[in-house]
C-alpha atoms as a PDB file:
ATOM      1  CA  MET A   1      16.166  87.342-100.699  1.00  0.00           C
ATOM      2  CA  GLU A   2      19.056  87.910-103.091  1.00  0.00           C
ATOM      3  CA  ARG A   3      21.000  91.153-102.546  1.00  0.00           C
ATOM      4  CA  ARG A   4      23.661  92.650-104.756  1.00  0.00           C
ATOM      5  CA  ALA A   5      27.153  92.258-103.302  1.00  0.00           C
ATOM      6  CA  GLY A   6      28.033  95.932-103.732  1.00  0.00           C
ATOM      7  CA  SER A   7      25.037  97.081-101.719  1.00  0.00           C
ATOM      8  CA  VAL A   8      25.764  94.582 -98.911  1.00  0.00           C
ATOM      9  CA  GLU A   9      29.310  95.859 -98.485  1.00  0.00           C
ATOM     10  CA  SER A  10      28.109  99.460 -98.587  1.00  0.00           C
ATOM     11  CA  ILE A  11      25.545  98.751 -95.860  1.00  0.00           C
ATOM     12  CA  ARG A  12      28.144  96.951 -93.746  1.00  0.00           C
ATOM     13  CA  ARG A  13      30.671  99.787 -94.063  1.00  0.00           C
ATOM     14  CA  ALA A  14      28.033 102.343 -93.040  1.00  0.00           C
ATOM     15  CA  LYS A  15      27.088 100.259 -89.995  1.00  0.00           C
ATOM     16  CA  ARG A  16      30.747  99.867 -89.030  1.00  0.00           C
ATOM     17  CA  ARG A  17      31.312 103.647 -89.267  1.00  0.00           C
ATOM     18  CA  ARG A  18      28.262 104.202 -87.037  1.00  0.00           C
ATOM     19  CA  ASN A  19      29.657 101.743 -84.468  1.00  0.00           C
ATOM     20  CA  GLU A  20      33.085 103.343 -84.548  1.00  0.00           C
ATOM     21  CA  ARG A  21      31.642 106.868 -84.092  1.00  0.00           C
ATOM     22  CA  ARG A  22      29.527 105.654 -81.185  1.00  0.00           C
ATOM     23  CA  HIS A  23      32.543 104.088 -79.495  1.00  0.00           C
ATOM     24  CA  LEU A  24      34.723 107.140 -79.909  1.00  0.00           C
ATOM     25  CA  LEU A  25      32.287 108.677 -77.428  1.00  0.00           C
ATOM     26  CA  ASP A  26      32.681 105.622 -75.199  1.00  0.00           C
ATOM     27  CA  ALA A  27      36.499 105.759 -75.201  1.00  0.00           C
ATOM     28  CA  ALA A  28      36.658 106.793 -71.554  1.00  0.00           C
ATOM     29  CA  PHE A  29      34.330 103.924 -70.646  1.00  0.00           C
ATOM     30  CA  VAL A  30      36.565 101.439 -72.483  1.00  0.00           C
ATOM     31  CA  ALA A  31      39.712 102.934 -70.970  1.00  0.00           C
ATOM     32  CA  HIS A  32      38.324 102.201 -67.520  1.00  0.00           C
ATOM     33  CA  GLY A  33      38.261  98.468 -68.175  1.00  0.00           C
ATOM     34  CA  ALA A  34      34.740  97.747 -69.375  1.00  0.00           C
ATOM     35  CA  GLY A  35      34.590  94.076 -70.325  1.00  0.00           C
ATOM     36  CA  GLU A  36      31.961  94.310 -73.059  1.00  0.00           C
ATOM     37  CA  LEU A  37      30.629  96.687 -75.668  1.00  0.00           C
ATOM     38  CA  GLU A  38      27.252  96.992 -77.315  1.00  0.00           C
ATOM     39  CA  VAL A  39      27.574  97.479 -81.060  1.00  0.00           C
ATOM     40  CA  GLY A  40      25.054  97.508 -83.870  1.00  0.00           C
ATOM     41  CA  CYS A  41      24.892  94.366 -85.972  1.00  0.00           C
ATOM     42  CA  GLU A  42      27.034  94.850 -89.092  1.00  0.00           C
ATOM     43  CA  CYS A  43      25.088  92.455 -91.308  1.00  0.00           C
ATOM     44  CA  GLY A  44      24.165  93.367 -94.863  1.00  0.00           C
ATOM     45  CA  ASP A  45      20.457  93.916 -94.103  1.00  0.00           C
ATOM     46  CA  GLU A  46      19.824  97.666 -94.075  1.00  0.00           C
ATOM     47  CA  ARG A  47      16.657  97.124 -91.981  1.00  0.00           C
ATOM     48  CA  CYS A  48      18.536  95.365 -89.168  1.00  0.00           C
ATOM     49  CA  GLY A  49      18.928  97.454 -86.031  1.00  0.00           C
ATOM     50  CA  ASP A  50      19.865  94.632 -83.669  1.00  0.00           C
ATOM     51  CA  VAL A  51      22.497  95.159 -80.995  1.00  0.00           C
ATOM     52  CA  VAL A  52      25.387  92.788 -80.324  1.00  0.00           C
ATOM     53  CA  ARG A  53      27.095  92.524 -76.909  1.00  0.00           C
ATOM     54  CA  ILE A  54      30.703  91.518 -77.446  1.00  0.00           C
ATOM     55  CA  ALA A  55      33.838  91.286 -75.306  1.00  0.00           C
ATOM     56  CA  LEU A  56      36.415  93.996 -75.921  1.00  0.00           C
ATOM     57  CA  ASP A  57      39.074  91.532 -77.057  1.00  0.00           C
ATOM     58  CA  ALA A  58      36.689  89.885 -79.539  1.00  0.00           C
ATOM     59  CA  TYR A  59      35.704  93.318 -80.898  1.00  0.00           C
ATOM     60  CA  ALA A  60      39.386  94.226 -81.298  1.00  0.00           C
ATOM     61  CA  ALA A  61      39.950  90.966 -83.203  1.00  0.00           C
ATOM     62  CA  ALA A  62      36.997  91.772 -85.453  1.00  0.00           C
ATOM     63  CA  ARG A  63      38.670  95.086 -86.297  1.00  0.00           C
ATOM     64  CA  SER A  64      41.987  93.428 -87.199  1.00  0.00           C
ATOM     65  CA  ASP A  65      40.952  93.022 -90.844  1.00  0.00           C
ATOM     66  CA  PRO A  66      38.704  95.389 -92.839  1.00  0.00           C
ATOM     67  CA  ARG A  67      36.816  92.385 -94.259  1.00  0.00           C
ATOM     68  CA  TYR A  68      35.680  91.267 -90.766  1.00  0.00           C
ATOM     69  CA  PHE A  69      32.250  92.253 -89.460  1.00  0.00           C
ATOM     70  CA  VAL A  70      30.425  91.658 -86.161  1.00  0.00           C
ATOM     71  CA  VAL A  71      26.914  90.246 -86.661  1.00  0.00           C
ATOM     72  CA  CYS A  72      24.132  88.708 -84.626  1.00  0.00           C
ATOM     73  CA  PRO A  73      23.979  84.906 -84.818  1.00  0.00           C
ATOM     74  CA  GLY A  74      22.049  83.934 -87.937  1.00  0.00           C
ATOM     75  CA  HIS A  75      22.737  87.246 -89.706  1.00  0.00           C
ATOM     76  CA  GLU A  76      25.607  85.855 -91.779  1.00  0.00           C
ATOM     77  CA  ASP A  77      25.276  86.507 -95.519  1.00  0.00           C
ATOM     78  CA  THR A  78      25.788  83.948 -98.259  1.00  0.00           C
ATOM     79  CA  GLY A  79      29.496  83.846 -99.005  1.00  0.00           C
ATOM     80  CA  ASP A  80      30.565  84.937 -95.510  1.00  0.00           C
ATOM     81  CA  THR A  81      33.083  82.843 -93.592  1.00  0.00           C
ATOM     82  CA  VAL A  82      32.505  82.619 -89.837  1.00  0.00           C
ATOM     83  CA  ILE A  83      35.795  83.483 -88.098  1.00  0.00           C
ATOM     84  CA  ALA A  84      34.532  83.224 -84.504  1.00  0.00           C
ATOM     85  CA  ARG A  85      31.231  82.636 -82.801  1.00  0.00           C
ATOM     86  CA  GLY A  86      30.010  83.461 -79.314  1.00  0.00           C
ATOM     87  CA  ALA A  87      26.635  82.956 -77.667  1.00  0.00           C
ATOM     88  CA  ARG A  88      25.544  86.489 -78.661  1.00  0.00           C
ATOM     89  CA  PHE A  89      27.622  87.268 -81.763  1.00  0.00           C
ATOM     90  CA  ALA A  90      29.501  85.955 -84.746  1.00  0.00           C
ATOM     91  CA  PHE A  91      32.249  87.659 -86.558  1.00  0.00           C
ATOM     92  CA  VAL A  92      32.527  86.960 -90.206  1.00  0.00           C
ATOM     93  CA  ARG A  93      34.838  87.613 -93.107  1.00  0.00           C
ATOM     94  CA  ALA A  94      32.852  89.120 -95.941  1.00  0.00           C
ATOM     95  CA  GLY A  95      32.595  87.060 -99.096  1.00  0.00           C
ATOM     96  CA  GLU A  96      34.931  87.809-101.967  1.00  0.00           C
ATOM     97  CA  THR A  97      32.095  89.095-104.164  1.00  0.00           C
ATOM     98  CA  GLY A  98      32.803  92.778-103.665  1.00  0.00           C
ATOM     99  CA  ASP A  99      35.220  95.415-102.474  1.00  0.00           C
ATOM    100  CA  VAL A 100      35.139  95.786 -98.675  1.00  0.00           C
ATOM    101  CA  ARG A 101      37.597  98.515 -97.729  1.00  0.00           C
ATOM    102  CA  ASP A 102      37.191 100.976 -94.876  1.00  0.00           C
END
């Protein structure tokens, strides 16, 4: 199914904001040395509600660039570049087809 680039980036940004709000509440948990987080998949499919378990250091790396998004394996969009892949996640750089700023 072909999706417009602008809507994909908008969906991804909204999912990222949801993840970041959720983890503000988990800050104490993270500060106590939790090794992994559960975050919502940040793919461009607005119907996706899948959860990704990811190591804290990998999540921090995914936040190092506003074009990077954490997705479930197989949820990469056309034009994405896979930056890293784990057994339960991939993090991708969004394609250059739209504006992807926080």
